[in-house]
C-alpha cells in the first residue's frame, strides 16, 4: 500500500476488525471441567465464532486535521484507534506517515503512592522513549509548570482529584508535537479553565506538525478542537465531513434510538 497523497498522515484502506467470541456457558473453571468431562469434543472442536466490530472502512487523515471519532459505546472507536496505533500488530491496510502517540487509559501506568512528579517521569519515559534523557527531563519540567499543580506535584498521586490527574496527564501528552496524536476520552474530568488552556496548547502542537484523532463525549470540546468528524455506526463509516454536521448527524442517531 503506497500513499495516495504526500499530505496524508494516515491512510486506512478496506479495514475490518473482528475478535473471537468467548465461549458461552463457561462461567468458571469448574464449568469448563464439567463440560470437558461430559463432552470433550464440544471444547476441543467447537467453532470459535468471531464478533465483527468494523467492516471494510476506508478513510484518510491529512496533516493539520483534527478528527473527532464519534459513535455510541461499542461502535468500534477505541478498537479502531488501538489498531491504528499498532497495538494489535501491523496491518497492511493501515499506512502511517510518521509516528503515532496514543493515549487510552493512563491509569494503567500510574503508581498511586508516588508523587505527581514521579508519575510524570514514568509517563514521559513511556511516551517519549525516543527522546534523549535531557529532552525527557525538559518535557517533565515543562509539563509540571504547564499543569499549574504547584506544590501538589510532590504530593502522592492517590490524593489527587480527578481534575488534577487530568491536568497532569494532558500536560505531559501535549508537551511535544507528534505526527499523529490519538486521545481517547482523556479530556474527561478537566475543569473548564484547564480545558481552554489545554485546547490552545493542543492547537499549537497541531499547527507545528501532525494531526489528531479525538474520542470524547464532551461535545463542547469536540466542536472547539476538531475541524472534521467521522461517525461510526453499524460497523461502517456513516458520516465523514465537517465537524458541525458530523455532531448533528451523530446526535440524530443517538436521540432517535437507531443505535444498536
Protein backbone atom coordinates (compact mmCIF):
# COMPACT_ATOMS: atom_id res chain seq x y z
CA UNK A 1 0.00 0.00 0.00
CA UNK A 2 1.50 3.35 -1.06
CA UNK A 3 0.41 6.84 -0.08
CA UNK A 4 -2.10 8.45 -2.42
CA UNK A 5 -1.02 11.92 -1.27
CA UNK A 6 2.13 13.25 0.39
CA UNK A 7 -0.08 15.38 2.68
CA UNK A 8 -1.71 12.31 4.22
CA UNK A 9 -0.63 11.44 7.76
CA UNK A 10 -2.79 8.33 7.85
CA UNK A 11 -4.43 6.12 5.22
CA UNK A 12 -6.82 3.31 6.13
CA UNK A 13 -7.92 1.11 3.24
CA UNK A 14 -10.71 -1.50 3.48
CA UNK A 15 -10.05 -2.26 7.15
CA UNK A 16 -12.17 -4.79 9.02
CA UNK A 17 -11.81 -5.58 12.72
CA UNK A 18 -13.17 -8.65 14.47
CA UNK A 19 -12.48 -10.60 17.64
CA UNK A 20 -13.03 -14.18 18.76
CA UNK A 21 -16.08 -14.61 20.92
CA UNK A 22 -15.58 -16.08 24.36
CA UNK A 23 -17.09 -19.50 24.96
CA UNK A 24 -20.68 -19.20 26.11
CA UNK A 25 -21.70 -21.00 29.27
CA UNK A 26 -18.19 -21.29 30.68
CA UNK A 27 -18.57 -19.00 33.66
CA UNK A 28 -15.93 -20.68 35.79
CA UNK A 29 -13.05 -23.14 35.72
CA UNK A 30 -15.41 -25.70 37.27
CA UNK A 31 -17.87 -25.24 34.36
CA UNK A 32 -15.03 -25.85 31.93
CA UNK A 33 -14.01 -29.17 33.53
CA UNK A 34 -17.62 -30.37 33.86
CA UNK A 35 -18.27 -29.64 30.20
CA UNK A 36 -14.94 -31.16 29.17
CA UNK A 37 -15.69 -34.43 31.03
CA UNK A 38 -19.24 -34.70 29.67
CA UNK A 39 -18.45 -33.61 26.12
CA UNK A 40 -14.75 -33.07 25.36
CA UNK A 41 -15.45 -32.63 21.65
CA UNK A 42 -17.55 -29.54 22.34
CA UNK A 43 -14.47 -27.92 23.87
CA UNK A 44 -11.75 -29.23 21.61
CA UNK A 45 -13.51 -28.86 18.28
CA UNK A 46 -16.05 -26.10 18.88
CA UNK A 47 -16.01 -23.36 16.27
CA UNK A 48 -14.75 -20.03 17.50
CA UNK A 49 -17.24 -17.55 16.13
CA UNK A 50 -15.95 -14.02 15.59
CA UNK A 51 -17.55 -10.78 16.65
CA UNK A 52 -17.23 -8.18 13.92
CA UNK A 53 -16.58 -4.64 15.16
CA UNK A 54 -15.92 -2.79 11.88
CA UNK A 55 -16.37 -3.89 8.31
CA UNK A 56 -14.42 -2.62 5.31
CA UNK A 57 -13.84 1.02 6.27
CA UNK A 58 -11.66 3.43 4.33
CA UNK A 59 -10.54 6.98 5.17
CA UNK A 60 -7.51 9.30 5.11
CA UNK A 61 -6.32 11.94 7.55
CA UNK A 62 -4.23 14.87 6.33
CA UNK A 63 -1.70 16.98 8.19
CA UNK A 64 -3.40 19.60 10.33
CA UNK A 65 -6.72 17.79 10.58
CA UNK A 66 -8.32 17.34 13.99
CA UNK A 67 -10.69 14.45 13.62
CA UNK A 68 -13.42 13.63 16.12
CA UNK A 69 -14.26 9.94 16.12
CA UNK A 70 -17.93 9.73 17.09
CA UNK A 71 -20.19 6.80 17.84
CA UNK A 72 -22.19 5.18 20.61
CA UNK A 73 -20.48 2.89 23.10
CA UNK A 74 -19.48 -0.29 21.29
CA UNK A 75 -19.34 1.34 17.86
CA UNK A 76 -15.65 0.45 17.50
CA UNK A 77 -13.96 3.78 18.21
CA UNK A 78 -11.35 2.50 20.65
CA UNK A 79 -10.80 -0.72 18.67
CA UNK A 80 -10.08 1.35 15.57
CA UNK A 81 -7.64 3.64 17.38
CA UNK A 82 -5.84 0.73 19.03
CA UNK A 83 -5.46 -0.90 15.63
CA UNK A 84 -4.17 2.32 14.05
CA UNK A 85 -1.63 2.75 16.86
CA UNK A 86 -0.26 -0.74 16.24
CA UNK A 87 -1.41 -2.31 19.50
CA UNK A 88 -2.87 -5.26 17.56
CA UNK A 89 0.15 -5.66 15.30
CA UNK A 90 0.97 -4.07 11.97
CA UNK A 91 -1.85 -4.14 9.43
CA UNK A 92 -1.06 -3.96 5.70
CA UNK A 93 -4.12 -1.80 5.03
CA UNK A 94 -3.02 0.91 7.51
CA UNK A 95 -0.35 3.33 6.34
CA UNK A 96 1.10 5.87 8.80
CA UNK A 97 3.38 8.61 7.57
CA UNK A 98 5.46 9.07 10.71
CA UNK A 99 4.83 8.05 14.32
CA UNK A 100 1.64 7.81 16.34
CA UNK A 101 1.36 8.70 20.02
CA UNK A 102 -1.74 7.14 21.53
CA UNK A 103 -3.21 7.61 25.00
CA UNK A 104 -6.03 5.33 26.07
CA UNK A 105 -6.01 4.53 29.78
CA UNK A 106 -3.17 6.31 31.52
CA UNK A 107 -4.22 4.83 34.87
CA UNK A 108 -2.56 1.53 33.92
CA UNK A 109 0.89 3.08 34.40
CA UNK A 110 0.07 5.13 37.49
CA UNK A 111 1.73 4.39 40.80
CA UNK A 112 -0.70 5.81 43.42
CA UNK A 113 1.87 6.06 46.21
CA UNK A 114 4.34 8.01 44.08
CA UNK A 115 4.13 11.77 43.64
CA UNK A 116 2.69 13.56 40.64
CA UNK A 117 6.21 14.45 39.55
CA UNK A 118 7.34 10.83 39.74
CA UNK A 119 4.31 9.69 37.75
CA UNK A 120 5.03 12.39 35.17
CA UNK A 121 8.52 10.90 34.86
CA UNK A 122 7.05 7.41 34.26
CA UNK A 123 4.58 8.67 31.65
CA UNK A 124 7.21 10.79 29.90
CA UNK A 125 9.63 7.89 29.61
CA UNK A 126 6.89 5.71 28.09
CA UNK A 127 5.58 8.29 25.62
CA UNK A 128 8.87 9.89 24.62
CA UNK A 129 11.24 6.93 24.80
CA UNK A 130 12.89 8.01 21.53
CA UNK A 131 13.96 11.33 23.08
CA UNK A 132 17.27 11.84 24.90
CA UNK A 133 17.40 11.91 28.69
CA UNK A 134 17.95 15.66 28.67
CA UNK A 135 14.96 16.17 26.38
CA UNK A 136 12.75 14.00 28.60
CA UNK A 137 13.81 15.98 31.66
CA UNK A 138 12.88 19.18 29.84
CA UNK A 139 9.46 17.69 28.94
CA UNK A 140 8.83 16.83 32.61
CA UNK A 141 9.79 20.32 33.74
CA UNK A 142 7.65 21.97 31.06
CA UNK A 143 4.66 19.71 31.77
CA UNK A 144 4.68 20.28 35.51
CA UNK A 145 4.85 24.04 35.04
CA UNK A 146 2.03 23.97 32.50
CA UNK A 147 -0.20 21.86 34.76
CA UNK A 148 -0.15 24.60 37.44
CA UNK A 149 -0.37 21.98 40.18
CA UNK A 150 2.12 23.92 42.28
CA UNK A 151 3.31 22.15 45.43
CA UNK A 152 0.87 19.30 44.72
CA UNK A 153 3.39 17.86 42.24
CA UNK A 154 5.19 16.49 45.29
CA UNK A 155 2.03 15.01 46.85
CA UNK A 156 1.09 11.32 46.42
CA UNK A 157 -0.89 10.75 43.26
CA UNK A 158 -3.64 8.93 45.20
CA UNK A 159 -4.50 12.25 46.87
CA UNK A 160 -5.21 13.94 43.52
CA UNK A 161 -8.73 14.83 42.43
CA UNK A 162 -9.88 13.65 39.00
CA UNK A 163 -9.32 17.13 37.63
CA UNK A 164 -5.75 17.25 38.95
CA UNK A 165 -4.97 13.85 37.42
CA UNK A 166 -6.33 15.01 34.06
CA UNK A 167 -4.23 18.17 34.23
CA UNK A 168 -1.06 16.19 34.76
CA UNK A 169 -1.77 13.62 32.03
CA UNK A 170 -2.75 16.14 29.37
CA UNK A 171 0.20 18.39 30.17
CA UNK A 172 2.63 15.53 29.52
CA UNK A 173 0.80 14.16 26.46
CA UNK A 174 0.71 17.52 24.70
CA UNK A 175 4.26 18.56 25.59
CA UNK A 176 5.69 17.85 22.14
CA UNK A 177 4.31 17.57 18.59
CA UNK A 178 3.54 14.18 17.09
CA UNK A 179 2.82 13.03 13.56
CA UNK A 180 -0.46 11.53 14.79
CA UNK A 181 -1.82 12.03 18.31
CA UNK A 182 -4.66 9.76 19.43
CA UNK A 183 -6.59 10.84 22.53
CA UNK A 184 -9.30 8.52 23.87
CA UNK A 185 -11.50 10.24 26.48
CA UNK A 186 -8.51 11.86 28.16
CA UNK A 187 -10.27 15.23 28.43
CA UNK A 188 -12.87 13.81 30.80
CA UNK A 189 -12.54 15.37 34.23
CA UNK A 190 -10.64 18.54 33.38
CA UNK A 191 -12.07 21.77 34.75
CA UNK A 192 -13.39 24.45 32.39
CA UNK A 193 -10.36 26.73 32.75
CA UNK A 194 -7.88 23.98 32.03
CA UNK A 195 -9.94 22.74 29.07
CA UNK A 196 -9.49 26.15 27.49
CA UNK A 197 -5.77 26.18 28.28
CA UNK A 198 -5.07 22.64 27.06
CA UNK A 199 -7.14 23.22 23.91
CA UNK A 200 -4.91 26.15 22.99
CA UNK A 201 -1.81 24.02 23.67
CA UNK A 202 -3.06 21.14 21.52
CA UNK A 203 -3.97 23.52 18.69
CA UNK A 204 -0.46 24.97 18.83
CA UNK A 205 1.00 21.47 18.75
CA UNK A 206 -1.09 20.54 15.72
CA UNK A 207 -0.02 23.71 13.93
CA UNK A 208 3.59 22.69 14.41
CA UNK A 209 3.12 19.23 12.92
CA UNK A 210 0.81 16.27 12.55
CA UNK A 211 -2.84 15.51 13.12
CA UNK A 212 -5.09 14.41 15.98
CA UNK A 213 -7.84 11.84 16.48
CA UNK A 214 -10.16 12.64 19.38
CA UNK A 215 -12.57 10.31 21.12
CA UNK A 216 -14.70 12.31 23.53
CA UNK A 217 -18.31 12.57 24.65
CA UNK A 218 -17.82 16.22 25.62
CA UNK A 219 -19.46 17.93 22.65
CA UNK A 220 -18.19 21.39 23.53
CA UNK A 221 -14.57 20.20 23.45
CA UNK A 222 -15.16 18.27 20.21
CA UNK A 223 -16.63 21.30 18.46
CA UNK A 224 -13.90 23.61 19.69
CA UNK A 225 -10.90 21.40 18.97
CA UNK A 226 -11.90 19.43 15.87
CA UNK A 227 -12.48 20.51 12.29
CA UNK A 228 -13.70 17.16 11.00
CA UNK A 229 -15.84 14.34 12.28
CA UNK A 230 -16.14 10.64 11.43
CA UNK A 231 -19.25 8.87 12.72
CA UNK A 232 -19.10 5.09 13.18
CA UNK A 233 -22.46 3.31 13.03
CA UNK A 234 -23.44 -0.29 12.29
CA UNK A 235 -19.79 -1.28 11.65
CA UNK A 236 -19.40 1.36 8.93
CA UNK A 237 -18.44 4.99 8.48
CA UNK A 238 -21.90 6.56 8.40
CA UNK A 239 -20.66 10.14 8.03
CA UNK A 240 -17.35 11.86 7.30
CA UNK A 241 -17.17 15.62 6.98
CA UNK A 242 -17.38 18.99 8.69
CA UNK A 243 -17.39 18.72 12.48
CA UNK A 244 -20.65 20.65 12.96
CA UNK A 245 -22.53 18.43 10.52
CA UNK A 246 -20.87 15.35 12.00
CA UNK A 247 -22.00 16.12 15.55
CA UNK A 248 -25.53 16.87 14.32
CA UNK A 249 -25.60 13.57 12.41
CA UNK A 250 -24.35 11.68 15.47
CA UNK A 251 -26.87 13.36 17.79
CA UNK A 252 -29.70 12.43 15.42
CA UNK A 253 -28.62 8.79 15.51
CA UNK A 254 -28.25 8.79 19.27
CA UNK A 255 -31.50 10.59 20.03
CA UNK A 256 -33.59 8.62 17.54
CA UNK A 257 -32.62 5.33 19.16
CA UNK A 258 -31.14 3.93 15.95
CA UNK A 259 -28.01 2.70 17.69
CA UNK A 260 -27.69 -0.99 18.36
